[in-house]
Amino acid sequence: MAQRTIHYLIGEELIGLGVRDVDRFRVGNVLPDAIEDLVYRNLTHYQSDALLGGRSVRFSDFERFRREFAPLVETDGLYLGYYMHLVEDACYRRFWKKIGFPERHMTREKVAVLHNDYHLLNAYIVRSRGLRDELVFPAGFEREPINRLYPFLLKDFLEEMRGDFTEDPQGTTHYMTEALLEEYLSGAMDVCRDALRRILSGEEPLDARSLTW
């Protein structure tokens, strides 16, 4: 899955395309990652399996999310942001598959290198895009319908994420390089803009199975 600052960056790019209730959209766009353990990732990211053309594929079923929380995706920034997170992750997984990453068998040491890449990319994203921490915890979040899906640990997550905007690690990226990040963004933004436009205009939503990996 894309690191949270990548989601935040894409969200900032999308806000100017007609997003209402910007504060709630920002939070929704990182919310699926506010979980206690990665074992819950498939649940909060609506990952599903399917057979297409005789082969097994995975996809992020953002359309199922939209239906389950109708009409909130169309009317509430928090749920629209969540929906877009799922689209962004589908683009990310497809990009990983395109470049042949991750490796089939990732050792602990290689995972540690990848995580260090993410820390280095945090600094790159903040520096190159002038990204600022404008995340605001939404009042009454504990009563949000989204918590039926999972009891999100949003307050702790946002506090931890604040460090992403100020860290200054040293070193060079290895797996997910700055160039690869820019390549991912150039392709993903077109898909995300289209998905958002469809929702905001009331058109037919993007087909989740068009973004399998």
Protein backbone atom coordinates (compact mmCIF):
# COMPACT_ATOMS: atom_id res chain seq x y z
CA MET A 1 0.00 0.00 0.00
CA ALA A 2 1.09 3.57 -0.60
CA GLN A 3 2.61 5.34 2.37
CA ARG A 4 0.40 7.84 4.12
CA THR A 5 2.24 10.93 2.91
CA ILE A 6 1.68 9.80 -0.69
CA HIS A 7 -2.05 9.59 0.04
CA TYR A 8 -1.93 13.01 1.66
CA LEU A 9 -0.07 14.47 -1.33
CA ILE A 10 -2.57 13.06 -3.83
CA GLY A 11 -5.41 14.31 -1.66
CA GLU A 12 -3.99 17.82 -1.72
CA GLU A 13 -3.82 17.68 -5.51
CA LEU A 14 -7.45 16.55 -5.69
CA ILE A 15 -8.90 19.12 -3.30
CA GLY A 16 -8.88 21.85 -5.93
CA LEU A 17 -11.13 19.82 -8.22
CA GLY A 18 -14.32 20.57 -6.33
CA VAL A 19 -13.92 18.78 -3.01
CA ARG A 20 -16.15 20.25 -0.32
CA ASP A 21 -15.39 20.00 3.39
CA VAL A 22 -11.65 19.88 2.87
CA ASP A 23 -10.75 19.04 6.49
CA ARG A 24 -12.89 15.91 6.48
CA PHE A 25 -11.60 14.88 3.05
CA ARG A 26 -7.98 15.11 4.23
CA VAL A 27 -8.69 12.85 7.18
CA GLY A 28 -10.72 10.38 5.14
CA ASN A 29 -7.94 10.09 2.61
CA VAL A 30 -5.55 8.63 5.22
CA LEU A 31 -8.14 6.95 7.47
CA PRO A 32 -7.93 3.35 6.09
CA ASP A 33 -4.37 3.11 7.44
CA ALA A 34 -5.35 4.07 11.01
CA ILE A 35 -5.38 0.47 12.18
CA GLU A 36 -3.78 -1.38 15.06
CA ASP A 37 -2.16 -4.15 13.03
CA LEU A 38 -1.59 -4.93 9.36
CA VAL A 39 -3.73 -8.04 9.77
CA TYR A 40 -6.74 -5.70 9.43
CA ARG A 41 -5.50 -4.13 6.18
CA ASN A 42 -7.57 -6.27 3.82
CA LEU A 43 -10.68 -5.39 5.84
CA THR A 44 -10.21 -1.62 5.84
CA HIS A 45 -8.92 -1.57 2.26
CA TYR A 46 -11.72 -3.68 0.79
CA GLN A 47 -9.33 -6.04 -0.93
CA SER A 48 -11.12 -8.77 -2.88
CA ASP A 49 -10.21 -11.65 -5.17
CA ALA A 50 -11.76 -12.40 -8.54
CA LEU A 51 -11.34 -14.55 -11.61
CA LEU A 52 -10.92 -12.47 -14.75
CA GLY A 53 -10.05 -14.01 -18.06
CA GLY A 54 -9.26 -17.30 -16.38
CA ARG A 55 -6.72 -15.87 -13.97
CA SER A 56 -6.91 -14.96 -10.32
CA VAL A 57 -6.56 -11.25 -9.58
CA ARG A 58 -6.93 -8.94 -6.61
CA PHE A 59 -8.60 -5.57 -6.55
CA SER A 60 -9.61 -2.82 -4.17
CA ASP A 61 -13.41 -2.93 -4.15
CA PHE A 62 -14.04 0.78 -3.71
CA GLU A 63 -17.38 0.36 -5.42
CA ARG A 64 -18.54 -1.97 -2.63
CA PHE A 65 -17.40 0.65 -0.12
CA ARG A 66 -19.42 3.30 -1.96
CA ARG A 67 -22.54 1.14 -1.85
CA GLU A 68 -22.15 0.21 1.81
CA PHE A 69 -21.84 3.84 2.87
CA ALA A 70 -24.29 5.37 0.40
CA PRO A 71 -24.95 8.20 0.04
CA LEU A 72 -22.07 9.44 2.21
CA VAL A 73 -19.36 9.09 -0.44
CA GLU A 74 -21.29 11.56 -2.59
CA THR A 75 -22.18 13.94 0.25
CA ASP A 76 -19.50 13.80 2.97
CA GLY A 77 -15.82 14.65 2.51
CA LEU A 78 -14.60 12.08 5.00
CA TYR A 79 -16.17 9.20 3.09
CA LEU A 80 -15.17 10.62 -0.27
CA GLY A 81 -11.58 10.81 1.00
CA TYR A 82 -11.75 7.19 2.16
CA TYR A 83 -13.07 6.15 -1.25
CA MET A 84 -10.21 7.95 -2.98
CA HIS A 85 -7.67 6.24 -0.70
CA LEU A 86 -8.88 2.90 -2.03
CA VAL A 87 -8.53 4.09 -5.63
CA GLU A 88 -5.03 5.42 -4.90
CA ASP A 89 -3.94 2.11 -3.40
CA ALA A 90 -5.24 0.18 -6.40
CA CYS A 91 -3.11 2.39 -8.62
CA TYR A 92 -0.12 1.80 -6.34
CA ARG A 93 -0.45 -1.98 -6.38
CA ARG A 94 -0.77 -1.96 -10.17
CA PHE A 95 2.34 0.19 -10.38
CA TRP A 96 4.27 -2.20 -8.15
CA LYS A 97 3.25 -5.10 -10.38
CA LYS A 98 4.30 -3.17 -13.48
CA ILE A 99 7.82 -2.57 -12.16
CA GLY A 100 8.12 -6.07 -10.70
CA PHE A 101 8.10 -5.06 -7.05
CA PRO A 102 7.91 -6.15 -4.28
CA GLU A 103 10.22 -9.11 -4.52
CA ARG A 104 8.56 -12.48 -4.14
CA HIS A 105 10.25 -13.24 -0.84
CA MET A 106 10.95 -10.13 1.25
CA THR A 107 13.24 -10.79 4.20
CA ARG A 108 13.10 -8.69 7.37
CA GLU A 109 16.22 -6.91 6.23
CA LYS A 110 14.68 -5.99 2.87
CA VAL A 111 11.47 -4.82 4.52
CA ALA A 112 13.57 -2.59 6.77
CA VAL A 113 15.24 -1.10 3.68
CA LEU A 114 11.82 -0.43 2.12
CA HIS A 115 10.58 1.25 5.28
CA ASN A 116 13.68 3.43 5.30
CA ASP A 117 12.83 4.38 1.70
CA TYR A 118 9.46 5.58 2.94
CA HIS A 119 11.07 7.77 5.59
CA LEU A 120 13.41 9.25 3.00
CA LEU A 121 10.49 9.85 0.65
CA ASN A 122 8.58 11.66 3.40
CA ALA A 123 11.32 14.28 3.47
CA TYR A 124 11.43 14.41 -0.35
CA ILE A 125 7.66 14.87 -0.66
CA VAL A 126 7.51 17.61 1.97
CA ARG A 127 10.51 19.42 0.49
CA SER A 128 9.61 19.13 -3.20
CA ARG A 129 5.88 19.82 -2.85
CA GLY A 130 5.88 22.20 0.11
CA LEU A 131 3.51 19.85 1.90
CA ARG A 132 2.18 21.08 5.26
CA ASP A 133 0.42 19.27 8.07
CA GLU A 134 -3.16 20.51 7.89
CA LEU A 135 -4.85 17.44 9.37
CA VAL A 136 -7.65 18.22 11.81
CA PHE A 137 -9.25 15.54 13.99
CA PRO A 138 -13.00 15.63 13.23
CA ALA A 139 -15.27 16.36 16.18
CA GLY A 140 -17.51 13.46 17.13
CA PHE A 141 -15.49 10.98 15.10
CA GLU A 142 -16.31 8.14 17.48
CA ARG A 143 -19.93 8.37 16.31
CA GLU A 144 -19.11 8.12 12.60
CA PRO A 145 -20.76 5.21 10.74
CA ILE A 146 -17.32 4.24 9.36
CA ASN A 147 -16.45 2.85 12.79
CA ARG A 148 -18.90 0.01 12.16
CA LEU A 149 -16.29 -1.31 9.75
CA TYR A 150 -13.40 -1.07 12.21
CA PRO A 151 -12.72 0.92 15.42
CA PHE A 152 -10.21 3.25 13.78
CA LEU A 153 -7.38 4.57 15.97
CA LEU A 154 -7.51 7.94 14.27
CA LYS A 155 -6.32 10.26 17.03
CA ASP A 156 -3.14 8.26 17.69
CA PHE A 157 -2.58 7.80 13.98
CA LEU A 158 -2.73 11.52 13.24
CA GLU A 159 -0.36 12.29 16.09
CA GLU A 160 2.12 9.77 14.72
CA MET A 161 1.72 11.06 11.18
CA ARG A 162 2.67 14.58 12.22
CA GLY A 163 6.25 13.36 12.46
CA ASP A 164 6.25 12.59 8.72
CA PHE A 165 6.28 16.32 7.97
CA THR A 166 9.40 17.13 9.99
CA GLU A 167 11.72 14.12 9.86
CA ASP A 168 15.05 14.51 8.08
CA PRO A 169 16.60 11.05 7.58
CA GLN A 170 19.90 10.61 5.82
CA GLY A 171 20.68 8.18 3.03
CA THR A 172 19.54 7.12 -0.43
CA THR A 173 16.37 5.30 -1.44
CA HIS A 174 16.82 1.75 -2.68
CA TYR A 175 13.53 0.16 -3.71
CA MET A 176 11.00 2.99 -4.00
CA THR A 177 13.13 5.78 -5.39
CA GLU A 178 12.19 9.41 -5.96
CA ALA A 179 12.07 8.78 -9.72
CA LEU A 180 9.72 5.82 -9.27
CA LEU A 181 7.51 7.87 -6.98
CA GLU A 182 7.20 10.57 -9.62
CA GLU A 183 6.42 7.93 -12.25
CA TYR A 184 3.68 6.48 -10.05
CA LEU A 185 2.18 9.90 -9.38
CA SER A 186 2.11 10.86 -13.06
CA GLY A 187 -0.05 7.85 -13.87
CA ALA A 188 -2.13 7.63 -10.72
CA MET A 189 -3.26 11.25 -10.80
CA ASP A 190 -5.09 10.77 -14.10
CA VAL A 191 -7.02 7.80 -12.70
CA CYS A 192 -7.76 9.58 -9.42
CA ARG A 193 -8.99 12.73 -11.15
CA ASP A 194 -11.32 10.64 -13.28
CA ALA A 195 -12.64 8.68 -10.29
CA LEU A 196 -13.26 11.88 -8.33
CA ARG A 197 -14.93 13.63 -11.26
CA ARG A 198 -17.33 10.73 -11.70
CA ILE A 199 -18.42 10.90 -8.06
CA LEU A 200 -18.74 14.69 -7.92
CA SER A 201 -20.69 14.87 -11.18
CA GLY A 202 -23.00 11.96 -10.42
CA GLU A 203 -21.74 9.94 -13.37
CA GLU A 204 -21.26 6.16 -13.44
CA PRO A 205 -18.54 5.41 -10.85
CA LEU A 206 -15.21 3.96 -11.89
CA ASP A 207 -15.31 0.16 -12.23
CA ALA A 208 -13.19 -1.25 -9.40
CA ARG A 209 -12.29 -4.27 -11.52
CA SER A 210 -10.65 -2.04 -14.08
CA LEU A 211 -7.77 -1.67 -11.57
CA THR A 212 -6.79 -5.26 -10.77
CA TRP A 213 -3.33 -6.52 -9.95
